[in-house]
Amino acid sequence: MSQNQSHFTTLALFCKVVDNYGDIGICWRLSRQLQCEHGIAVTLWVDDLVTFQRLCPEVRPDQPQQEIAGIQIRHWVHQEETFTADDIADIVIEFFGCDIPPAYIAAMSQRSPQPVWLNLEGLTAEEWVEGCHSLPSPHPRYSLTKYFFFPGFTPKTGGLLFESGTEHRQSAFVANNGKTDFLKSLGLSETEIQSELISLFCYPHAPVTALFEVWKNSAHPVTCLVPEGVAYEIVSAFLDAPSVRGAVATRGALTVHVIPLIPQTVYDQLLWSCNINFVRGEDSFVRAQLAGKPFVWHIYPQENALHHVKLQAFLKRYTDVLSTQLADATNIHNFSLAWNGVTQPSAAEWKNLWQEMVTAAAQSGISLQWKQEILKHGDLCSNLLQFVAAIQEKTVINAV
């Protein structure tokens, strides 16, 4: 039992699905960790249960309220829903400034003791988050204070979201020949399993066509595993058939194999099984780093190319930490810029970028070194609960 459990027992987490699977992926993972590792009774409010179901097949989109894995799932439909003080949890989290119902906030102000209210922000490596992490924001009408909590890559932030048993599960997976069994369960042949395995999870605008051309002309067999629905038009064109689970085709050295959208609970196994992982958004981005395997991040696009600023901030931090292997880190940096449209390589340049990327990826020490760097800052869930406990303690002292 977590030492935090004596301070609070209930938590409400509000999530609006904006980044396809990213928002609900983070909130569902956090909810399960809060419940499983810390004994917190979680109510997860979600506005899009259909998307949620693709990550968690047990979800029933037609149910306004349901319980899954010990977590209460509420379909967040009406902003005008009514609440009383008895409905309010000990901890209230709104993910990424999603503006929880005004009636809920009003009920929060009537609860005694008042809940600890957090705005859990999105992940960024930008330096300014260190100054904003844990800052209070008093409500203009009620005697309530909301605190900003930022995930991040330094000890001055909340850390990254990962479970306490993550490394143990990966070690057991490797020791028990889990890779072969897992890939066979996805329908891969022995030949595909022995090839250069790449997982591809990206947004529709990724330059997948250019990369397919490079892989088709590779000196060694490449198998690209693409979840159903990802890069649908480009993958369908390659297959010369609809991109549906189980579809497979080979052109030159490249085999593209369409796999199901894997439930979150086993997604790590895909990352552990591949030589290089292409990931997107936030949740899969973090899981790829924890896998200790080479990865390429496709960042969620924002207006005025603000996402390029965030990408550059991460790549700079990544490169700085890996300064002892600067050449390999730089190769990954350059490929990431091209993948995200910061640069516009020609066909020949794409080939060179990929060859340099593969060379860097072969240096597995880079990925493992980075993994150890982020692990030492602790996990976001535990850090968050410690922060809440400190807020509660301060509130009690001030009341006395």
Protein backbone atom coordinates (compact mmCIF):
# COMPACT_ATOMS: atom_id res chain seq x y z
CA MET A 1 0.00 0.00 0.00
CA SER A 2 1.32 3.44 -0.94
CA GLN A 3 2.16 5.84 1.85
CA ASN A 4 0.14 8.42 -0.10
CA GLN A 5 -3.07 6.49 0.46
CA SER A 6 -3.43 7.78 4.03
CA HIS A 7 -3.80 11.33 2.71
CA PHE A 8 -6.50 10.81 0.07
CA THR A 9 -8.55 8.00 -1.40
CA THR A 10 -10.51 9.39 -4.38
CA LEU A 11 -9.52 11.16 -7.59
CA ALA A 12 -11.43 12.54 -10.58
CA LEU A 13 -9.61 12.88 -13.90
CA PHE A 14 -11.19 14.81 -16.78
CA CYS A 15 -10.07 14.10 -20.36
CA LYS A 16 -11.10 15.56 -23.71
CA VAL A 17 -9.83 13.55 -26.67
CA VAL A 18 -7.97 15.92 -28.98
CA ASP A 19 -4.85 14.08 -30.17
CA ASN A 20 -6.64 10.91 -31.31
CA TYR A 21 -5.21 8.33 -28.89
CA GLY A 22 -2.66 10.48 -27.09
CA ASP A 23 -4.89 12.24 -24.56
CA ILE A 24 -6.95 9.25 -23.53
CA GLY A 25 -3.86 7.03 -23.70
CA ILE A 26 -2.10 9.13 -21.08
CA CYS A 27 -5.18 9.48 -18.87
CA TRP A 28 -6.00 5.77 -19.01
CA ARG A 29 -2.44 4.80 -18.18
CA LEU A 30 -2.34 7.26 -15.28
CA SER A 31 -5.72 6.06 -13.99
CA ARG A 32 -4.61 2.44 -13.93
CA GLN A 33 -1.37 3.27 -12.13
CA LEU A 34 -3.17 5.37 -9.54
CA GLN A 35 -5.54 2.50 -8.84
CA CYS A 36 -3.12 -0.43 -9.06
CA GLU A 37 -0.02 1.00 -7.38
CA HIS A 38 -1.48 3.58 -4.99
CA GLY A 39 -4.96 2.29 -4.16
CA ILE A 40 -6.70 5.47 -5.32
CA ALA A 41 -10.36 5.18 -6.36
CA VAL A 42 -10.37 6.86 -9.77
CA THR A 43 -13.27 8.26 -11.76
CA LEU A 44 -12.21 8.96 -15.34
CA TRP A 45 -14.42 11.40 -17.27
CA VAL A 46 -14.00 11.01 -21.06
CA ASP A 47 -15.83 12.81 -23.85
CA ASP A 48 -15.04 10.26 -26.61
CA LEU A 49 -15.66 6.64 -25.65
CA VAL A 50 -15.41 5.40 -29.25
CA THR A 51 -11.74 6.40 -29.46
CA PHE A 52 -11.21 5.11 -25.93
CA GLN A 53 -12.54 1.69 -27.00
CA ARG A 54 -9.81 1.32 -29.62
CA LEU A 55 -7.20 1.49 -26.86
CA CYS A 56 -9.23 -0.47 -24.34
CA PRO A 57 -11.58 -2.97 -26.06
CA GLU A 58 -13.58 -3.49 -22.83
CA VAL A 59 -15.05 0.03 -23.09
CA ARG A 60 -18.69 0.18 -24.16
CA PRO A 61 -19.35 3.50 -25.92
CA ASP A 62 -23.12 3.26 -25.31
CA GLN A 63 -22.74 3.19 -21.51
CA PRO A 64 -22.81 6.53 -19.63
CA GLN A 65 -21.13 4.87 -16.64
CA GLN A 66 -19.11 1.66 -16.36
CA GLU A 67 -16.32 0.10 -14.33
CA ILE A 68 -13.18 -1.32 -15.97
CA ALA A 69 -10.14 -2.62 -14.10
CA GLY A 70 -11.51 -1.11 -10.89
CA ILE A 71 -11.85 2.36 -12.45
CA GLN A 72 -15.13 4.21 -12.84
CA ILE A 73 -15.55 5.45 -16.42
CA ARG A 74 -17.99 8.30 -16.97
CA HIS A 75 -19.05 9.57 -20.38
CA TRP A 76 -18.46 13.32 -20.18
CA VAL A 77 -21.25 14.73 -22.34
CA HIS A 78 -22.94 17.67 -20.67
CA GLN A 79 -21.07 20.69 -19.35
CA GLU A 80 -24.24 21.69 -17.50
CA GLU A 81 -24.47 18.49 -15.45
CA THR A 82 -25.22 19.17 -11.78
CA PHE A 83 -22.98 18.21 -8.84
CA THR A 84 -22.99 18.47 -5.07
CA ALA A 85 -20.08 18.62 -2.63
CA ASP A 86 -20.53 14.89 -1.99
CA ASP A 87 -19.70 14.18 -5.66
CA ILE A 88 -16.28 15.80 -5.46
CA ALA A 89 -13.10 13.72 -5.17
CA ASP A 90 -10.11 14.40 -2.89
CA ILE A 91 -8.01 15.18 -5.97
CA VAL A 92 -9.34 16.73 -9.19
CA ILE A 93 -7.20 16.67 -12.34
CA GLU A 94 -8.04 18.32 -15.62
CA PHE A 95 -5.81 17.09 -18.42
CA PHE A 96 -4.28 19.73 -20.64
CA GLY A 97 -6.59 22.57 -19.58
CA CYS A 98 -9.78 20.81 -20.68
CA ASP A 99 -12.10 23.15 -18.72
CA ILE A 100 -14.03 20.92 -16.36
CA PRO A 101 -17.76 21.65 -15.87
CA PRO A 102 -18.49 24.96 -14.07
CA ALA A 103 -20.97 23.14 -11.81
CA TYR A 104 -18.22 20.75 -10.74
CA ILE A 105 -15.96 23.68 -9.84
CA ALA A 106 -18.77 25.30 -7.88
CA ALA A 107 -19.29 22.07 -5.94
CA MET A 108 -15.53 21.87 -5.30
CA SER A 109 -15.73 25.22 -3.52
CA GLN A 110 -18.45 23.84 -1.21
CA ARG A 111 -16.58 20.69 -0.25
CA SER A 112 -14.82 20.51 3.11
CA PRO A 113 -11.96 19.90 2.99
CA GLN A 114 -11.55 21.31 -0.49
CA PRO A 115 -9.92 19.04 -3.06
CA VAL A 116 -6.45 19.52 -4.47
CA TRP A 117 -6.98 20.76 -8.02
CA LEU A 118 -4.35 20.16 -10.70
CA ASN A 119 -4.00 21.00 -14.36
CA LEU A 120 -1.85 18.17 -15.76
CA GLU A 121 -0.17 19.69 -18.79
CA GLY A 122 1.23 18.13 -21.94
CA LEU A 123 4.82 16.98 -22.18
CA THR A 124 7.49 19.34 -23.49
CA ALA A 125 11.25 19.65 -23.12
CA GLU A 126 11.17 23.45 -23.34
CA GLU A 127 13.08 25.19 -20.55
CA TRP A 128 10.21 27.46 -19.49
CA VAL A 129 8.24 24.56 -17.96
CA GLU A 130 10.67 24.37 -15.06
CA GLY A 131 9.54 27.84 -13.98
CA CYS A 132 5.84 27.03 -14.43
CA HIS A 133 5.77 23.57 -12.88
CA SER A 134 3.79 23.59 -9.59
CA LEU A 135 2.71 27.24 -9.95
CA PRO A 136 -0.61 28.14 -8.25
CA SER A 137 -3.51 29.76 -10.10
CA PRO A 138 -6.23 31.17 -7.81
CA HIS A 139 -9.78 30.96 -9.12
CA PRO A 140 -11.28 34.41 -9.87
CA ARG A 141 -14.63 33.66 -8.16
CA TYR A 142 -14.14 30.87 -5.64
CA SER A 143 -11.70 30.28 -2.84
CA LEU A 144 -9.98 27.60 -4.88
CA THR A 145 -6.44 27.26 -6.21
CA LYS A 146 -5.43 25.22 -9.23
CA TYR A 147 -1.82 24.06 -9.57
CA PHE A 148 0.00 23.42 -12.83
CA PHE A 149 1.80 20.10 -13.03
CA PHE A 150 4.16 19.50 -15.95
CA PRO A 151 5.66 16.20 -17.08
CA GLY A 152 9.24 16.61 -18.16
CA PHE A 153 12.79 15.43 -18.52
CA THR A 154 14.46 17.16 -15.56
CA PRO A 155 14.24 17.00 -11.75
CA LYS A 156 12.48 20.39 -11.80
CA THR A 157 9.44 18.86 -13.52
CA GLY A 158 7.05 15.99 -12.76
CA GLY A 159 9.00 13.33 -14.66
CA LEU A 160 7.50 10.84 -17.14
CA LEU A 161 4.61 8.43 -16.79
CA PHE A 162 5.78 4.86 -16.21
CA GLU A 163 4.81 1.98 -13.94
CA SER A 164 7.04 0.60 -11.22
CA GLY A 165 7.29 -2.83 -12.87
CA THR A 166 8.11 -1.67 -16.39
CA GLU A 167 11.75 -2.76 -16.44
CA HIS A 168 10.97 -6.10 -14.80
CA ARG A 169 8.31 -6.84 -17.43
CA GLN A 170 10.73 -6.05 -20.24
CA SER A 171 13.46 -8.25 -18.75
CA ALA A 172 11.03 -11.15 -18.37
CA PHE A 173 9.80 -10.65 -21.94
CA VAL A 174 13.34 -10.86 -23.31
CA ALA A 175 14.36 -13.78 -21.06
CA ASN A 176 11.32 -15.87 -22.02
CA ASN A 177 11.73 -15.42 -25.78
CA GLY A 178 8.67 -13.21 -25.75
CA LYS A 179 9.57 -11.50 -29.03
CA THR A 180 9.06 -14.55 -31.23
CA ASP A 181 5.82 -15.59 -29.56
CA PHE A 182 4.44 -12.08 -29.65
CA LEU A 183 5.25 -11.47 -33.31
CA LYS A 184 3.82 -14.83 -34.32
CA SER A 185 0.61 -13.86 -32.54
CA LEU A 186 0.43 -10.88 -34.91
CA GLY A 187 0.74 -13.20 -37.91
CA LEU A 188 4.37 -12.61 -38.82
CA SER A 189 6.34 -15.34 -40.58
CA GLU A 190 9.76 -16.57 -39.46
CA THR A 191 11.33 -14.65 -42.35
CA GLU A 192 9.69 -11.42 -41.27
CA ILE A 193 10.69 -11.95 -37.67
CA GLN A 194 14.34 -12.33 -38.69
CA SER A 195 14.35 -9.14 -40.80
CA GLU A 196 14.95 -5.54 -39.74
CA LEU A 197 11.76 -4.88 -37.79
CA ILE A 198 10.33 -1.37 -37.71
CA SER A 199 7.09 -0.24 -36.06
CA LEU A 200 5.40 2.73 -37.72
CA PHE A 201 2.96 4.92 -35.79
CA CYS A 202 2.65 8.40 -37.29
CA TYR A 203 0.23 11.12 -38.34
CA PRO A 204 -1.18 11.12 -41.90
CA HIS A 205 1.16 13.89 -43.15
CA ALA A 206 4.37 11.96 -42.38
CA PRO A 207 6.68 11.46 -45.41
CA VAL A 208 6.06 7.71 -45.43
CA THR A 209 6.25 7.39 -49.22
CA ALA A 210 9.83 8.68 -49.30
CA LEU A 211 10.85 6.26 -46.58
CA PHE A 212 9.14 3.30 -48.26
CA GLU A 213 11.23 4.00 -51.37
CA VAL A 214 14.42 3.89 -49.31
CA TRP A 215 13.41 0.67 -47.58
CA LYS A 216 12.43 -1.00 -50.87
CA ASN A 217 16.01 -0.51 -52.03
CA SER A 218 17.63 -1.58 -48.78
CA ALA A 219 20.52 -4.04 -48.84
CA HIS A 220 18.79 -6.08 -46.13
CA PRO A 221 15.15 -7.21 -45.71
CA VAL A 222 12.97 -4.72 -43.83
CA THR A 223 9.57 -5.48 -42.29
CA CYS A 224 7.42 -2.51 -41.38
CA LEU A 225 4.62 -3.16 -38.89
CA VAL A 226 1.83 -0.61 -39.29
CA PRO A 227 -1.26 -0.52 -37.05
CA GLU A 228 -4.53 -0.58 -38.98
CA GLY A 229 -5.59 2.93 -39.98
CA VAL A 230 -2.14 4.54 -39.69
CA ALA A 231 -0.91 6.24 -42.90
CA TYR A 232 -3.92 4.58 -44.49
CA GLU A 233 -3.72 5.98 -48.03
CA ILE A 234 0.03 5.49 -48.44
CA VAL A 235 0.01 1.99 -46.99
CA SER A 236 -3.00 1.02 -49.13
CA ALA A 237 -1.19 2.27 -52.22
CA PHE A 238 1.84 0.15 -51.33
CA LEU A 239 -0.32 -2.90 -50.71
CA ASP A 240 -2.46 -2.23 -53.78
CA ALA A 241 -5.31 -3.16 -51.45
CA PRO A 242 -7.10 -1.71 -48.40
CA SER A 243 -4.88 -1.33 -45.36
CA VAL A 244 -6.68 -3.67 -43.00
CA ARG A 245 -5.30 -5.95 -40.30
CA GLY A 246 -3.54 -8.97 -41.75
CA ALA A 247 -2.82 -7.33 -45.11
CA VAL A 248 0.76 -7.83 -46.25
CA ALA A 249 2.82 -7.15 -49.37
CA THR A 250 6.46 -7.14 -50.38
CA ARG A 251 8.10 -4.72 -52.81
CA GLY A 252 11.84 -5.11 -53.20
CA ALA A 253 13.45 -5.47 -49.76
CA LEU A 254 10.42 -4.03 -47.97
CA THR A 255 7.53 -5.99 -46.51
CA VAL A 256 4.65 -3.98 -45.06
CA HIS A 257 2.50 -5.90 -42.59
CA VAL A 258 -0.69 -4.32 -41.23
CA ILE A 259 -1.35 -5.28 -37.61
CA PRO A 260 -4.29 -4.50 -35.30
CA LEU A 261 -4.23 -1.36 -33.20
CA ILE A 262 -2.70 -3.00 -30.14
CA PRO A 263 -4.30 -2.51 -26.71
CA GLN A 264 -2.29 -0.25 -24.46
CA THR A 265 -1.52 -3.06 -22.02
CA VAL A 266 0.58 -4.91 -24.60
CA TYR A 267 1.86 -2.03 -26.76
CA ASP A 268 5.20 -2.15 -24.95
CA GLN A 269 5.79 -5.62 -26.34
CA LEU A 270 5.70 -4.26 -29.89
CA LEU A 271 8.27 -1.60 -28.99
CA TRP A 272 10.50 -4.16 -27.29
CA SER A 273 10.33 -6.45 -30.34
CA CYS A 274 11.34 -3.96 -33.04
CA ASN A 275 14.77 -2.64 -33.98
CA ILE A 276 13.52 0.92 -34.51
CA ASN A 277 10.20 2.46 -33.45
CA PHE A 278 8.43 5.36 -35.10
CA VAL A 279 6.04 6.89 -32.58
CA ARG A 280 3.80 9.93 -32.36
CA GLY A 281 2.09 12.28 -29.91
CA GLU A 282 2.96 11.79 -26.25
CA ASP A 283 2.00 8.39 -24.87
CA SER A 284 3.78 6.21 -27.46
CA PHE A 285 6.66 8.71 -27.46
CA VAL A 286 7.25 8.12 -23.75
CA ARG A 287 6.85 4.34 -24.06
CA ALA A 288 9.43 4.24 -26.84
CA GLN A 289 11.95 6.00 -24.61
CA LEU A 290 11.27 3.56 -21.78
CA ALA A 291 11.80 0.64 -24.17
CA GLY A 292 15.45 1.60 -24.52
CA LYS A 293 15.24 1.10 -28.28
CA PRO A 294 16.05 3.64 -31.02
CA PHE A 295 12.99 5.75 -31.84
CA VAL A 296 11.83 8.55 -34.13
CA TRP A 297 9.17 10.94 -32.84
CA HIS A 298 6.40 12.41 -35.00
CA ILE A 299 5.19 15.35 -32.94
CA TYR A 300 1.55 16.46 -32.94
CA PRO A 301 1.22 19.40 -35.39
CA GLN A 302 0.31 22.86 -34.11
CA GLU A 303 -0.48 26.18 -35.76
CA ASN A 304 2.41 28.44 -36.77
CA ALA A 305 4.77 25.44 -36.57
CA LEU A 306 4.93 25.69 -32.77
CA HIS A 307 5.49 21.95 -32.70
CA HIS A 308 8.82 22.46 -34.43
CA VAL A 309 9.94 24.54 -31.45
CA LYS A 310 8.98 21.72 -29.10
CA LEU A 311 10.70 19.17 -31.32
CA GLN A 312 13.92 21.19 -31.41
CA ALA A 313 13.81 21.59 -27.62
CA PHE A 314 13.58 17.84 -27.12
CA LEU A 315 16.27 17.05 -29.67
CA LYS A 316 18.63 19.56 -28.05
CA ARG A 317 18.12 18.02 -24.61
CA TYR A 318 18.50 14.54 -26.07
CA THR A 319 21.71 15.49 -27.86
CA ASP A 320 23.15 17.29 -24.84
CA VAL A 321 22.64 14.26 -22.59
CA LEU A 322 24.23 11.99 -25.19
CA SER A 323 27.20 14.29 -25.81
CA THR A 324 29.64 11.40 -25.37
CA GLN A 325 28.12 9.85 -28.51
CA LEU A 326 27.45 13.12 -30.28
CA ALA A 327 27.82 11.87 -33.87
CA ASP A 328 25.15 9.19 -33.44
CA ALA A 329 22.84 11.54 -31.56
CA THR A 330 23.25 14.12 -34.33
CA ASN A 331 22.26 11.57 -36.97
CA ILE A 332 19.04 10.84 -35.10
CA HIS A 333 18.52 14.60 -34.68
CA ASN A 334 18.84 15.24 -38.44
CA PHE A 335 16.52 12.40 -39.38
CA SER A 336 13.91 13.62 -36.90
CA LEU A 337 13.95 17.10 -38.44
CA ALA A 338 13.26 15.63 -41.87
CA TRP A 339 10.56 13.29 -40.59
CA ASN A 340 8.73 16.24 -39.05
CA GLY A 341 9.01 18.50 -42.09
CA VAL A 342 11.55 20.93 -40.64
CA THR A 343 13.80 20.06 -43.58
CA GLN A 344 12.81 18.84 -47.05
CA PRO A 345 15.30 16.17 -48.20
CA SER A 346 15.61 14.94 -51.76
CA ALA A 347 15.34 11.21 -52.51
CA ALA A 348 19.11 10.83 -52.33
CA GLU A 349 19.24 12.76 -49.07
CA TRP A 350 16.54 10.54 -47.56
CA LYS A 351 18.69 7.52 -48.36
CA ASN A 352 21.70 9.07 -46.64
CA LEU A 353 19.63 10.17 -43.66
CA TRP A 354 18.26 6.66 -43.22
CA GLN A 355 21.67 5.01 -43.50
CA GLU A 356 23.00 7.40 -40.86
CA MET A 357 19.94 6.72 -38.72
CA VAL A 358 20.51 2.96 -38.91
CA THR A 359 24.16 3.45 -37.99
CA ALA A 360 23.11 5.48 -34.96
CA ALA A 361 20.42 2.96 -34.05
CA ALA A 362 22.99 0.19 -34.06
CA GLN A 363 24.59 1.94 -31.12
CA SER A 364 22.08 0.60 -28.60
CA GLY A 365 24.00 2.34 -25.84
CA ILE A 366 22.44 5.65 -26.91
CA SER A 367 18.89 4.52 -26.22
CA LEU A 368 19.81 2.81 -22.97
CA GLN A 369 21.77 5.83 -21.77
CA TRP A 370 18.79 8.09 -22.43
CA LYS A 371 16.45 5.63 -20.70
CA GLN A 372 18.55 5.71 -17.53
CA GLU A 373 18.58 9.51 -17.67
CA ILE A 374 14.78 9.77 -17.60
CA LEU A 375 14.27 6.99 -15.05
CA LYS A 376 16.36 8.72 -12.40
CA HIS A 377 13.81 11.57 -12.11
CA GLY A 378 11.13 9.21 -10.82
CA ASP A 379 7.70 8.44 -12.26
CA LEU A 380 5.07 11.09 -12.82
CA CYS A 381 2.32 9.32 -10.88
CA SER A 382 4.34 9.06 -7.66
CA ASN A 383 5.72 12.57 -8.08
CA LEU A 384 2.20 13.91 -8.56
CA LEU A 385 0.89 12.24 -5.40
CA GLN A 386 3.86 13.52 -3.39
CA PHE A 387 3.08 17.01 -4.64
CA VAL A 388 -0.57 16.65 -3.65
CA ALA A 389 0.43 15.42 -0.18
CA ALA A 390 2.65 18.48 0.26
CA ILE A 391 -0.21 20.79 -0.76
CA GLN A 392 -2.56 19.10 1.70
CA GLU A 393 -0.03 19.33 4.50
CA LYS A 394 0.52 23.02 3.79
CA THR A 395 -3.25 23.61 3.79
CA VAL A 396 -3.62 21.94 7.19
CA ILE A 397 -0.76 23.98 8.69
CA ASN A 398 -2.24 27.23 7.37
CA ALA A 399 -5.65 26.32 8.76
CA VAL A 400 -4.13 25.86 12.23
